[in-house]
N, C-alpha and C. Protein backbone atom coordinates (compact mmCIF):
# COMPACT_ATOMS: atom_id res chain seq x y z
N MET A 1 -17.31 9.83 29.26
CA MET A 1 -16.86 10.62 28.14
C MET A 1 -17.52 10.07 26.88
N THR A 2 -18.07 10.92 26.05
CA THR A 2 -18.74 10.48 24.83
C THR A 2 -17.72 10.07 23.79
N THR A 3 -18.20 9.37 22.75
CA THR A 3 -17.31 8.93 21.68
C THR A 3 -16.69 10.12 20.96
N ALA A 4 -17.49 11.15 20.72
CA ALA A 4 -16.97 12.34 20.03
C ALA A 4 -15.90 13.02 20.87
N ALA A 5 -16.11 13.09 22.19
CA ALA A 5 -15.12 13.73 23.06
C ALA A 5 -13.83 12.90 23.10
N ARG A 6 -13.96 11.55 23.12
CA ARG A 6 -12.78 10.70 23.12
C ARG A 6 -11.99 10.84 21.83
N SER A 7 -12.70 10.87 20.67
CA SER A 7 -11.99 10.99 19.41
C SER A 7 -11.32 12.36 19.29
N LYS A 8 -11.96 13.43 19.83
CA LYS A 8 -11.33 14.75 19.81
C LYS A 8 -10.09 14.74 20.69
N ALA A 9 -10.18 14.09 21.85
CA ALA A 9 -9.03 14.03 22.75
C ALA A 9 -7.89 13.25 22.08
N ALA A 10 -8.22 12.18 21.36
CA ALA A 10 -7.19 11.39 20.67
C ALA A 10 -6.54 12.22 19.57
N ARG A 11 -7.35 13.00 18.83
CA ARG A 11 -6.79 13.87 17.78
C ARG A 11 -5.88 14.92 18.38
N ASP A 12 -6.34 15.53 19.48
CA ASP A 12 -5.53 16.56 20.12
C ASP A 12 -4.21 15.98 20.62
N LYS A 13 -4.26 14.75 21.12
CA LYS A 13 -3.06 14.11 21.62
C LYS A 13 -2.12 13.76 20.47
N ALA A 14 -2.67 13.30 19.33
CA ALA A 14 -1.84 12.90 18.19
C ALA A 14 -1.21 14.10 17.49
N VAL A 15 -1.91 15.23 17.44
CA VAL A 15 -1.41 16.40 16.74
C VAL A 15 -1.13 17.48 17.78
N ARG A 16 0.11 17.61 18.15
CA ARG A 16 0.48 18.59 19.16
C ARG A 16 1.29 19.70 18.53
N LYS A 17 1.09 20.87 19.05
CA LYS A 17 1.90 21.99 18.59
C LYS A 17 3.26 21.89 19.26
N PRO A 18 4.30 22.32 18.55
CA PRO A 18 5.62 22.26 19.16
C PRO A 18 5.70 23.19 20.36
N ARG A 19 6.39 22.73 21.38
CA ARG A 19 6.54 23.53 22.59
C ARG A 19 7.66 24.53 22.43
N LYS A 20 7.52 25.65 23.10
CA LYS A 20 8.58 26.64 23.10
C LYS A 20 9.65 26.17 24.07
N PRO A 21 10.90 26.38 23.72
CA PRO A 21 11.95 25.95 24.64
C PRO A 21 11.89 26.76 25.93
N THR A 22 12.14 26.08 27.02
CA THR A 22 12.12 26.75 28.31
C THR A 22 13.51 27.29 28.62
N GLN A 23 13.56 28.31 29.43
CA GLN A 23 14.83 28.89 29.83
C GLN A 23 15.46 28.03 30.91
N THR A 24 16.68 27.62 30.69
CA THR A 24 17.42 26.85 31.68
C THR A 24 18.71 27.57 32.00
N SER A 25 19.30 27.20 33.11
CA SER A 25 20.53 27.86 33.50
C SER A 25 21.70 27.39 32.65
N LYS A 26 21.64 26.13 32.12
CA LYS A 26 22.72 25.61 31.30
C LYS A 26 22.28 25.58 29.84
N PRO A 27 23.18 25.81 28.92
CA PRO A 27 22.81 25.64 27.51
C PRO A 27 22.62 24.17 27.20
N ALA A 28 21.73 23.88 26.27
CA ALA A 28 21.44 22.50 25.90
C ALA A 28 22.65 21.92 25.20
N THR A 29 22.99 20.69 25.56
CA THR A 29 24.10 20.01 24.91
C THR A 29 23.55 18.80 24.18
N ARG A 30 24.25 18.39 23.17
CA ARG A 30 23.80 17.22 22.42
C ARG A 30 24.80 16.10 22.64
N SER A 31 24.30 14.88 22.55
CA SER A 31 25.20 13.75 22.73
C SER A 31 26.05 13.58 21.48
N ARG A 32 27.09 12.79 21.59
CA ARG A 32 28.01 12.62 20.46
C ARG A 32 27.36 11.90 19.30
N SER A 33 26.35 11.07 19.57
CA SER A 33 25.72 10.31 18.49
C SER A 33 24.75 11.13 17.67
N GLN A 34 24.29 12.25 18.19
CA GLN A 34 23.35 13.08 17.46
C GLN A 34 24.08 13.95 16.46
N LYS A 35 23.49 14.06 15.28
CA LYS A 35 24.04 14.95 14.27
C LYS A 35 23.35 16.30 14.40
N PRO A 36 24.07 17.37 14.12
CA PRO A 36 23.42 18.67 14.20
C PRO A 36 22.38 18.80 13.09
N ALA A 37 21.21 19.31 13.43
CA ALA A 37 20.14 19.48 12.45
C ALA A 37 20.29 20.84 11.80
N ASN A 38 20.09 20.87 10.49
CA ASN A 38 20.16 22.17 9.85
C ASN A 38 18.84 22.92 10.07
N ALA A 39 18.83 24.18 9.80
CA ALA A 39 17.67 25.02 10.12
C ALA A 39 16.43 24.61 9.33
N ALA A 40 16.61 24.19 8.08
CA ALA A 40 15.44 23.82 7.25
C ALA A 40 14.76 22.58 7.80
N ASN A 41 15.55 21.56 8.18
CA ASN A 41 14.96 20.35 8.74
C ASN A 41 14.28 20.62 10.07
N ALA A 42 14.89 21.46 10.89
CA ALA A 42 14.30 21.79 12.18
C ALA A 42 12.98 22.53 11.99
N ALA A 43 12.92 23.44 11.02
CA ALA A 43 11.69 24.19 10.76
C ALA A 43 10.60 23.26 10.24
N ASN A 44 10.95 22.34 9.35
CA ASN A 44 9.97 21.39 8.81
C ASN A 44 9.44 20.48 9.90
N ALA A 45 10.34 20.00 10.78
CA ALA A 45 9.92 19.11 11.85
C ALA A 45 9.00 19.82 12.83
N ALA A 46 9.29 21.08 13.09
CA ALA A 46 8.46 21.83 14.03
C ALA A 46 7.11 22.18 13.42
N ALA A 47 7.06 22.41 12.11
CA ALA A 47 5.81 22.82 11.47
C ALA A 47 4.88 21.65 11.19
N SER A 48 5.42 20.45 10.97
CA SER A 48 4.56 19.33 10.61
C SER A 48 4.05 18.64 11.86
N PRO A 49 2.76 18.29 11.87
CA PRO A 49 2.19 17.62 13.04
C PRO A 49 2.63 16.16 13.09
N ARG A 50 2.69 15.61 14.28
CA ARG A 50 3.02 14.19 14.44
C ARG A 50 1.73 13.38 14.32
N LEU A 51 1.73 12.44 13.42
CA LEU A 51 0.56 11.60 13.21
C LEU A 51 0.79 10.24 13.83
N ALA A 52 -0.29 9.63 14.24
CA ALA A 52 -0.22 8.28 14.80
C ALA A 52 0.22 7.32 13.71
N ARG A 53 1.10 6.37 14.04
CA ARG A 53 1.61 5.42 13.06
C ARG A 53 0.71 4.21 12.89
N VAL A 54 -0.14 3.95 13.84
CA VAL A 54 -1.00 2.77 13.80
C VAL A 54 -2.45 3.22 13.78
N ALA A 55 -3.20 2.68 12.83
CA ALA A 55 -4.61 3.00 12.76
C ALA A 55 -5.33 2.32 13.92
N LYS A 56 -6.22 3.05 14.54
CA LYS A 56 -6.96 2.50 15.67
C LYS A 56 -8.42 2.33 15.26
N GLY A 57 -9.04 1.34 15.79
CA GLY A 57 -10.46 1.12 15.51
C GLY A 57 -10.65 0.20 14.32
N ARG A 58 -11.88 0.04 13.95
CA ARG A 58 -12.25 -0.84 12.84
C ARG A 58 -12.08 -0.13 11.52
N LYS A 59 -11.95 -0.95 10.45
CA LYS A 59 -11.92 -0.38 9.11
C LYS A 59 -13.31 0.18 8.81
N PRO A 60 -13.36 1.29 8.09
CA PRO A 60 -14.68 1.82 7.76
C PRO A 60 -15.43 0.88 6.81
N ARG A 61 -16.73 0.81 6.98
CA ARG A 61 -17.56 0.00 6.10
C ARG A 61 -18.36 0.93 5.21
N TYR A 62 -18.29 0.68 3.90
CA TYR A 62 -18.99 1.52 2.94
C TYR A 62 -20.22 0.84 2.37
N PHE A 63 -20.24 -0.49 2.40
CA PHE A 63 -21.34 -1.25 1.83
C PHE A 63 -21.93 -2.17 2.90
N ALA A 64 -23.18 -2.57 2.69
CA ALA A 64 -23.84 -3.45 3.65
C ALA A 64 -23.20 -4.83 3.68
N ASP A 65 -22.73 -5.29 2.54
CA ASP A 65 -22.13 -6.62 2.44
C ASP A 65 -20.62 -6.51 2.67
N PRO A 66 -20.07 -7.20 3.67
CA PRO A 66 -18.63 -7.13 3.92
C PRO A 66 -17.79 -7.63 2.74
N ALA A 67 -18.33 -8.54 1.94
CA ALA A 67 -17.59 -9.04 0.77
C ALA A 67 -17.36 -7.92 -0.24
N THR A 68 -18.33 -7.05 -0.38
CA THR A 68 -18.18 -5.91 -1.29
C THR A 68 -17.10 -4.97 -0.78
N ASP A 69 -17.04 -4.77 0.53
CA ASP A 69 -15.97 -3.95 1.10
C ASP A 69 -14.60 -4.58 0.84
N LYS A 70 -14.50 -5.91 0.96
CA LYS A 70 -13.23 -6.59 0.69
C LYS A 70 -12.82 -6.39 -0.76
N LEU A 71 -13.78 -6.50 -1.66
CA LEU A 71 -13.47 -6.27 -3.07
C LEU A 71 -13.02 -4.84 -3.31
N LEU A 72 -13.65 -3.89 -2.62
CA LEU A 72 -13.24 -2.50 -2.74
C LEU A 72 -11.79 -2.32 -2.31
N TRP A 73 -11.42 -2.88 -1.14
CA TRP A 73 -10.05 -2.75 -0.65
C TRP A 73 -9.06 -3.45 -1.56
N MET A 74 -9.44 -4.61 -2.10
CA MET A 74 -8.56 -5.30 -3.05
C MET A 74 -8.34 -4.46 -4.28
N THR A 75 -9.41 -3.87 -4.80
CA THR A 75 -9.32 -3.04 -6.00
C THR A 75 -8.46 -1.81 -5.74
N LEU A 76 -8.66 -1.15 -4.61
CA LEU A 76 -7.86 0.03 -4.29
C LEU A 76 -6.39 -0.31 -4.13
N THR A 77 -6.11 -1.46 -3.53
CA THR A 77 -4.72 -1.89 -3.38
C THR A 77 -4.08 -2.15 -4.74
N LEU A 78 -4.82 -2.81 -5.61
CA LEU A 78 -4.31 -3.06 -6.96
C LEU A 78 -4.10 -1.75 -7.72
N MET A 79 -5.02 -0.81 -7.57
CA MET A 79 -4.86 0.49 -8.23
C MET A 79 -3.58 1.17 -7.76
N GLU A 80 -3.32 1.13 -6.46
CA GLU A 80 -2.13 1.75 -5.90
C GLU A 80 -0.87 1.09 -6.46
N GLU A 81 -0.85 -0.24 -6.45
CA GLU A 81 0.32 -0.96 -6.96
C GLU A 81 0.54 -0.69 -8.45
N LEU A 82 -0.54 -0.69 -9.21
CA LEU A 82 -0.43 -0.45 -10.64
C LEU A 82 0.07 0.96 -10.93
N SER A 83 -0.40 1.92 -10.18
CA SER A 83 0.04 3.30 -10.36
C SER A 83 1.54 3.44 -10.11
N VAL A 84 2.02 2.85 -9.03
CA VAL A 84 3.45 2.90 -8.72
C VAL A 84 4.26 2.19 -9.80
N THR A 85 3.78 1.05 -10.24
CA THR A 85 4.49 0.29 -11.28
C THR A 85 4.57 1.08 -12.57
N ARG A 86 3.46 1.71 -12.96
CA ARG A 86 3.47 2.51 -14.19
C ARG A 86 4.42 3.69 -14.08
N ASP A 87 4.46 4.34 -12.92
CA ASP A 87 5.39 5.46 -12.74
C ASP A 87 6.84 4.99 -12.86
N ARG A 88 7.15 3.86 -12.23
CA ARG A 88 8.52 3.35 -12.29
C ARG A 88 8.87 2.90 -13.71
N LEU A 89 7.95 2.27 -14.40
CA LEU A 89 8.19 1.86 -15.77
C LEU A 89 8.42 3.08 -16.66
N ASP A 90 7.65 4.12 -16.45
CA ASP A 90 7.83 5.35 -17.22
C ASP A 90 9.23 5.92 -17.01
N VAL A 91 9.71 5.92 -15.77
CA VAL A 91 11.05 6.42 -15.48
C VAL A 91 12.09 5.58 -16.21
N VAL A 92 11.97 4.26 -16.13
CA VAL A 92 12.94 3.39 -16.79
C VAL A 92 12.94 3.61 -18.29
N GLU A 93 11.75 3.68 -18.90
CA GLU A 93 11.68 3.89 -20.35
C GLU A 93 12.28 5.24 -20.74
N ARG A 94 12.02 6.28 -19.96
CA ARG A 94 12.59 7.60 -20.29
C ARG A 94 14.11 7.60 -20.15
N LEU A 95 14.62 6.93 -19.11
CA LEU A 95 16.07 6.87 -18.95
C LEU A 95 16.73 6.08 -20.09
N LEU A 96 16.12 4.97 -20.46
CA LEU A 96 16.67 4.19 -21.57
C LEU A 96 16.63 4.98 -22.87
N ASP A 97 15.54 5.70 -23.10
CA ASP A 97 15.41 6.50 -24.31
C ASP A 97 16.41 7.66 -24.31
N ARG A 98 16.57 8.31 -23.15
CA ARG A 98 17.49 9.44 -23.04
C ARG A 98 18.93 9.01 -23.30
N LYS A 99 19.29 7.83 -22.80
CA LYS A 99 20.65 7.33 -23.00
C LYS A 99 20.80 6.61 -24.34
N ARG A 100 19.72 6.57 -25.08
CA ARG A 100 19.68 5.96 -26.41
C ARG A 100 20.10 4.48 -26.38
N LEU A 101 19.67 3.80 -25.33
CA LEU A 101 19.92 2.36 -25.24
C LEU A 101 18.78 1.58 -25.86
N VAL A 102 17.56 2.00 -25.55
CA VAL A 102 16.36 1.35 -26.08
C VAL A 102 15.33 2.44 -26.33
N SER A 103 14.66 2.39 -27.47
CA SER A 103 13.64 3.39 -27.77
C SER A 103 12.26 2.86 -27.37
N HIS A 104 11.28 3.76 -27.30
CA HIS A 104 9.91 3.36 -26.98
C HIS A 104 9.39 2.38 -28.03
N ARG A 105 9.76 2.59 -29.29
CA ARG A 105 9.31 1.72 -30.37
C ARG A 105 9.81 0.29 -30.16
N GLU A 106 11.06 0.16 -29.71
CA GLU A 106 11.62 -1.17 -29.47
C GLU A 106 10.90 -1.87 -28.32
N VAL A 107 10.57 -1.11 -27.28
CA VAL A 107 9.85 -1.69 -26.13
C VAL A 107 8.47 -2.16 -26.57
N ASP A 108 7.77 -1.32 -27.33
CA ASP A 108 6.41 -1.67 -27.78
C ASP A 108 6.41 -2.87 -28.74
N GLY A 109 7.46 -3.02 -29.55
CA GLY A 109 7.49 -4.09 -30.54
C GLY A 109 8.19 -5.35 -30.08
N TRP A 110 8.63 -5.41 -28.84
CA TRP A 110 9.39 -6.57 -28.36
C TRP A 110 8.51 -7.79 -28.25
N VAL A 111 9.02 -8.93 -28.73
CA VAL A 111 8.35 -10.22 -28.61
C VAL A 111 9.31 -11.16 -27.89
N GLY A 112 8.85 -11.69 -26.76
CA GLY A 112 9.71 -12.54 -25.94
C GLY A 112 9.82 -13.95 -26.47
N ASP A 113 10.85 -14.64 -26.03
CA ASP A 113 11.03 -16.04 -26.40
C ASP A 113 10.26 -16.94 -25.44
N ALA A 114 10.38 -18.24 -25.61
CA ALA A 114 9.63 -19.20 -24.79
C ALA A 114 10.04 -19.12 -23.32
N LYS A 115 11.32 -18.89 -23.06
CA LYS A 115 11.80 -18.80 -21.68
C LYS A 115 11.17 -17.60 -20.97
N ALA A 116 11.10 -16.47 -21.64
CA ALA A 116 10.49 -15.27 -21.06
C ALA A 116 8.99 -15.49 -20.84
N ALA A 117 8.33 -16.16 -21.79
CA ALA A 117 6.90 -16.43 -21.65
C ALA A 117 6.63 -17.34 -20.46
N THR A 118 7.48 -18.34 -20.26
CA THR A 118 7.32 -19.25 -19.12
C THR A 118 7.52 -18.52 -17.80
N ALA A 119 8.53 -17.67 -17.73
CA ALA A 119 8.80 -16.90 -16.52
C ALA A 119 7.64 -15.96 -16.20
N ARG A 120 7.12 -15.30 -17.23
CA ARG A 120 5.97 -14.40 -17.03
C ARG A 120 4.75 -15.16 -16.56
N ALA A 121 4.49 -16.32 -17.14
CA ALA A 121 3.32 -17.12 -16.74
C ALA A 121 3.45 -17.56 -15.29
N ALA A 122 4.64 -17.95 -14.87
CA ALA A 122 4.84 -18.35 -13.47
C ALA A 122 4.64 -17.17 -12.53
N ARG A 123 5.15 -16.00 -12.92
CA ARG A 123 5.00 -14.82 -12.08
C ARG A 123 3.53 -14.41 -11.98
N ARG A 124 2.80 -14.49 -13.09
CA ARG A 124 1.36 -14.17 -13.07
C ARG A 124 0.59 -15.15 -12.19
N ALA A 125 0.90 -16.44 -12.30
CA ALA A 125 0.20 -17.44 -11.50
C ALA A 125 0.44 -17.21 -10.00
N ALA A 126 1.66 -16.89 -9.64
CA ALA A 126 1.97 -16.62 -8.23
C ALA A 126 1.24 -15.36 -7.76
N PHE A 127 1.16 -14.37 -8.61
CA PHE A 127 0.45 -13.13 -8.27
C PHE A 127 -1.03 -13.39 -8.05
N VAL A 128 -1.65 -14.13 -8.97
CA VAL A 128 -3.08 -14.45 -8.84
C VAL A 128 -3.32 -15.27 -7.58
N GLU A 129 -2.42 -16.19 -7.28
CA GLU A 129 -2.57 -17.00 -6.07
C GLU A 129 -2.53 -16.13 -4.82
N ARG A 130 -1.59 -15.18 -4.77
CA ARG A 130 -1.51 -14.27 -3.62
C ARG A 130 -2.77 -13.42 -3.50
N MET A 131 -3.27 -12.92 -4.63
CA MET A 131 -4.45 -12.06 -4.60
C MET A 131 -5.70 -12.82 -4.18
N MET A 132 -5.80 -14.07 -4.56
CA MET A 132 -7.01 -14.85 -4.29
C MET A 132 -6.94 -15.64 -2.99
N ARG A 133 -5.83 -15.56 -2.26
CA ARG A 133 -5.66 -16.35 -1.04
C ARG A 133 -6.80 -16.12 -0.04
N ALA A 134 -7.16 -14.87 0.19
CA ALA A 134 -8.20 -14.57 1.17
C ALA A 134 -9.56 -15.10 0.70
N ALA A 135 -9.85 -14.94 -0.59
CA ALA A 135 -11.13 -15.43 -1.11
C ALA A 135 -11.18 -16.95 -1.06
N GLU A 136 -10.08 -17.62 -1.36
CA GLU A 136 -10.04 -19.07 -1.31
C GLU A 136 -10.25 -19.57 0.12
N ALA A 137 -9.62 -18.93 1.08
CA ALA A 137 -9.77 -19.34 2.48
C ALA A 137 -11.21 -19.15 2.94
N GLU A 138 -11.82 -18.04 2.56
CA GLU A 138 -13.20 -17.79 2.97
C GLU A 138 -14.16 -18.78 2.31
N LEU A 139 -13.92 -19.09 1.03
CA LEU A 139 -14.77 -20.05 0.34
C LEU A 139 -14.61 -21.44 0.95
N ALA A 140 -13.38 -21.82 1.26
CA ALA A 140 -13.15 -23.13 1.87
C ALA A 140 -13.83 -23.22 3.23
N GLU A 141 -13.81 -22.13 3.98
CA GLU A 141 -14.46 -22.11 5.29
C GLU A 141 -15.98 -22.19 5.15
N ALA A 142 -16.53 -21.50 4.16
CA ALA A 142 -17.98 -21.45 3.99
C ALA A 142 -18.53 -22.75 3.41
N THR A 143 -17.79 -23.36 2.48
CA THR A 143 -18.33 -24.53 1.79
C THR A 143 -17.72 -25.84 2.25
N GLY A 144 -16.63 -25.77 2.99
CA GLY A 144 -15.96 -26.98 3.42
C GLY A 144 -15.07 -27.58 2.34
N ARG A 145 -14.87 -26.85 1.26
CA ARG A 145 -13.97 -27.33 0.20
C ARG A 145 -13.29 -26.12 -0.42
N GLY A 146 -12.33 -26.36 -1.25
CA GLY A 146 -11.53 -25.29 -1.85
C GLY A 146 -12.21 -24.67 -3.06
N MET A 147 -11.41 -23.92 -3.80
CA MET A 147 -11.89 -23.26 -5.00
C MET A 147 -12.22 -24.30 -6.07
N PRO A 148 -13.23 -24.02 -6.89
CA PRO A 148 -13.55 -24.94 -7.98
C PRO A 148 -12.37 -25.06 -8.94
N VAL A 149 -12.17 -26.27 -9.44
CA VAL A 149 -11.03 -26.52 -10.32
C VAL A 149 -11.44 -26.37 -11.78
N SER A 150 -12.60 -26.86 -12.13
CA SER A 150 -13.01 -26.84 -13.53
C SER A 150 -14.16 -25.87 -13.75
N GLU A 151 -14.41 -25.62 -15.01
CA GLU A 151 -15.52 -24.73 -15.39
C GLU A 151 -16.86 -25.32 -14.97
N ARG A 152 -17.00 -26.64 -15.03
CA ARG A 152 -18.23 -27.30 -14.61
C ARG A 152 -18.51 -27.06 -13.13
N GLU A 153 -17.44 -27.14 -12.30
CA GLU A 153 -17.61 -26.89 -10.87
C GLU A 153 -18.05 -25.46 -10.60
N VAL A 154 -17.53 -24.52 -11.38
CA VAL A 154 -17.92 -23.12 -11.22
C VAL A 154 -19.39 -22.96 -11.55
N ILE A 155 -19.83 -23.53 -12.66
CA ILE A 155 -21.24 -23.44 -13.06
C ILE A 155 -22.14 -24.12 -12.05
N ALA A 156 -21.71 -25.28 -11.54
CA ALA A 156 -22.51 -25.99 -10.54
C ALA A 156 -22.62 -25.16 -9.25
N ALA A 157 -21.55 -24.50 -8.86
CA ALA A 157 -21.57 -23.68 -7.65
C ALA A 157 -22.50 -22.48 -7.82
N VAL A 158 -22.54 -21.90 -9.00
CA VAL A 158 -23.42 -20.76 -9.25
C VAL A 158 -24.87 -21.18 -9.28
N GLU A 159 -25.15 -22.36 -9.84
CA GLU A 159 -26.51 -22.83 -9.95
C GLU A 159 -27.11 -23.29 -8.63
N GLU A 160 -26.26 -23.58 -7.62
CA GLU A 160 -26.76 -24.05 -6.33
C GLU A 160 -27.57 -23.03 -5.62
C-alpha cells in the first residue's frame, strides 16, 4: 500500500459518517447512568466528524535547520498564550469598568510597590527559565557546559 493510500485510509477511518440506526425487534433502552440527549446535541454530534485525538507521525519541517523550526514552534506557542492572556485581560478590565470598580485609566496609571515588583520579577524569571529549558539542555549537550553566565562568555561563544 502506498503512503498516499495509507493516509487516505487513515483519514477515512478517522472521519466517519454517522450510521443509520438498524431496525431491531426491541426498542433501544438506555442505562440508568446515561442522561437523555436533547435533539440539538444529538444533531450536532451526528453532523460533526470524529477527529483523532493524537497526532501521528513526525512534526512538519518548514526550514532546513531544525533549530529554526524549534524557534518557530516556540514563537507560535508564545503567540497563542499571549493572545489568550490578552483576551482574558480584556474581559477582566471590561467587567471591572462595567461594575465601576476600576477604570481603564486607573489600570494604565497604576504603579506597583516594591513587593509587587519583586513578585513580578520572580514570575518573569521562572517564565524565562521554563521557556529556555530546551535551549539550555541542547546547548549543554552540544558544548558540554551550560548557558553562558556573563556577557563576556556570550561574546566569547559567538567569536568561537
